Amino acid sequence: MREIKFRAWDTLNKKMITDFIDGGEKAFLDKCGILCYYYRYILMQFTGLKDRNGKEIYEGDLFKLGAEKEVFEVRFEHGCFLAYHNNKQYGLLGELQMRFILVIGNIYENPELLEEK
């Protein structure tokens, strides 16, 4: 079974929160309340996968695939985790070779990684 856990981007303090979200969305809501959930935090779910260095992959993460220079983004849409490149769907995350994926950041802390050069 896949481990269900979340992290959250705090839009007010501009920082990632990972230390109290284990237990899922309900545990998070119990801690912060429904209004703060909708207006302050952006939840990102763990994909159940890890990159080549053993780092957990969450939606919103940015990664490189092998020796490619392109940056891909992890999104959760239509009930699955997808890899996107330049806002175009590249494929299902689970179908990519995990041994070639390297997480390099995320869309909130490192938005500059998505900028085309």
Protein backbone atom coordinates (compact mmCIF):
# COMPACT_ATOMS: atom_id res chain seq x y z
CA MET A 1 0.00 0.00 0.00
CA ARG A 2 1.07 3.55 -0.73
CA GLU A 3 1.85 5.79 2.23
CA ILE A 4 -0.59 8.73 2.37
CA LYS A 5 0.98 11.96 3.60
CA PHE A 6 1.09 15.61 2.73
CA ARG A 7 3.24 18.68 2.94
CA ALA A 8 1.97 22.25 2.67
CA TRP A 9 3.17 25.54 1.22
CA ASP A 10 2.48 28.36 3.69
CA THR A 11 1.53 31.27 1.41
CA LEU A 12 1.79 33.77 4.27
CA ASN A 13 5.27 32.87 5.54
CA LYS A 14 6.54 31.57 2.18
CA LYS A 15 7.85 28.29 3.54
CA MET A 16 7.25 24.57 3.17
CA ILE A 17 5.77 22.74 6.15
CA THR A 18 6.41 19.03 6.43
CA ASP A 19 6.61 18.27 10.14
CA PHE A 20 2.95 17.88 11.16
CA ILE A 21 1.08 16.73 8.10
CA ASP A 22 1.51 12.95 8.41
CA GLY A 23 -1.92 11.47 8.87
CA GLY A 24 -3.51 13.14 5.88
CA GLU A 25 -5.76 16.05 5.17
CA LYS A 26 -8.05 15.53 8.17
CA ALA A 27 -5.12 15.71 10.61
CA PHE A 28 -3.98 18.90 8.90
CA LEU A 29 -7.44 20.46 9.11
CA ASP A 30 -7.70 19.52 12.78
CA LYS A 31 -4.46 21.45 13.40
CA CYS A 32 -5.14 24.62 11.40
CA GLY A 33 -8.91 24.84 10.77
CA ILE A 34 -10.86 24.93 7.52
CA LEU A 35 -10.50 28.66 6.76
CA CYS A 36 -6.76 28.69 7.18
CA TYR A 37 -6.59 25.60 4.92
CA TYR A 38 -8.39 27.34 2.07
CA TYR A 39 -6.70 30.71 2.30
CA ARG A 40 -3.22 30.14 3.63
CA TYR A 41 -1.93 26.65 2.83
CA ILE A 42 -1.54 24.75 -0.41
CA LEU A 43 -1.49 21.00 0.25
CA MET A 44 0.65 18.66 -1.83
CA GLN A 45 0.32 14.90 -1.64
CA PHE A 46 3.19 12.41 -1.55
CA THR A 47 3.27 10.32 -4.74
CA GLY A 48 4.51 7.20 -3.00
CA LEU A 49 7.66 7.36 -5.16
CA LYS A 50 11.25 8.40 -4.48
CA ASP A 51 13.88 9.83 -6.80
CA ARG A 52 17.27 8.24 -7.53
CA ASN A 53 18.69 9.63 -4.26
CA GLY A 54 15.79 8.35 -2.15
CA LYS A 55 14.08 11.76 -1.85
CA GLU A 56 10.30 11.58 -1.60
CA ILE A 57 8.44 13.01 -4.61
CA TYR A 58 5.40 15.25 -3.97
CA GLU A 59 3.05 17.01 -6.33
CA GLY A 60 4.55 20.41 -7.10
CA ASP A 61 8.08 18.99 -7.23
CA LEU A 62 10.40 19.81 -10.11
CA PHE A 63 12.75 17.19 -11.49
CA LYS A 64 15.19 16.36 -14.24
CA LEU A 65 15.09 13.06 -16.06
CA GLY A 66 18.49 11.47 -16.66
CA ALA A 67 20.94 13.70 -18.51
CA GLU A 68 18.18 15.86 -19.99
CA LYS A 69 18.37 19.57 -19.26
CA GLU A 70 14.58 20.00 -19.31
CA VAL A 71 12.71 20.50 -16.04
CA PHE A 72 9.52 18.56 -15.39
CA GLU A 73 6.76 19.33 -12.89
CA VAL A 74 4.71 16.79 -10.90
CA ARG A 75 0.96 17.46 -10.99
CA PHE A 76 -2.00 15.51 -9.63
CA GLU A 77 -4.82 15.48 -12.18
CA HIS A 78 -7.59 13.05 -13.08
CA GLY A 79 -6.69 10.80 -10.15
CA CYS A 80 -3.04 10.27 -11.06
CA PHE A 81 0.38 11.88 -10.77
CA LEU A 82 1.58 13.27 -14.09
CA ALA A 83 4.84 14.73 -15.35
CA TYR A 84 4.51 18.02 -17.23
CA HIS A 85 7.04 19.89 -19.35
CA ASN A 86 6.31 23.42 -20.60
CA ASN A 87 2.68 23.04 -19.44
CA LYS A 88 2.22 19.97 -21.65
CA GLN A 89 1.56 16.51 -20.27
CA TYR A 90 4.63 14.32 -20.69
CA GLY A 91 3.31 11.11 -19.14
CA LEU A 92 2.40 9.26 -15.97
CA LEU A 93 4.99 9.72 -13.24
CA GLY A 94 4.85 6.05 -12.26
CA GLU A 95 5.77 4.95 -15.79
CA LEU A 96 9.05 6.89 -15.79
CA GLN A 97 12.29 5.23 -14.72
CA MET A 98 12.69 6.29 -11.07
CA ARG A 99 16.41 5.61 -11.22
CA PHE A 100 16.76 8.54 -13.63
CA ILE A 101 14.57 11.08 -11.79
CA LEU A 102 16.32 13.75 -9.72
CA VAL A 103 14.17 16.17 -7.70
CA ILE A 104 15.72 19.65 -7.97
CA GLY A 105 13.13 21.78 -6.17
CA ASN A 106 9.46 22.67 -6.23
CA ILE A 107 7.19 25.22 -7.87
CA TYR A 108 6.86 27.38 -4.75
CA GLU A 109 10.44 27.62 -3.49
CA ASN A 110 12.10 27.46 -6.91
CA PRO A 111 9.74 28.94 -9.55
CA GLU A 112 12.73 30.22 -11.52
CA LEU A 113 13.55 26.62 -12.49
CA LEU A 114 10.44 26.59 -14.72
CA GLU A 115 11.49 29.65 -16.69
CA GLU A 116 12.55 28.86 -20.22
CA LYS A 117 16.01 29.99 -21.16
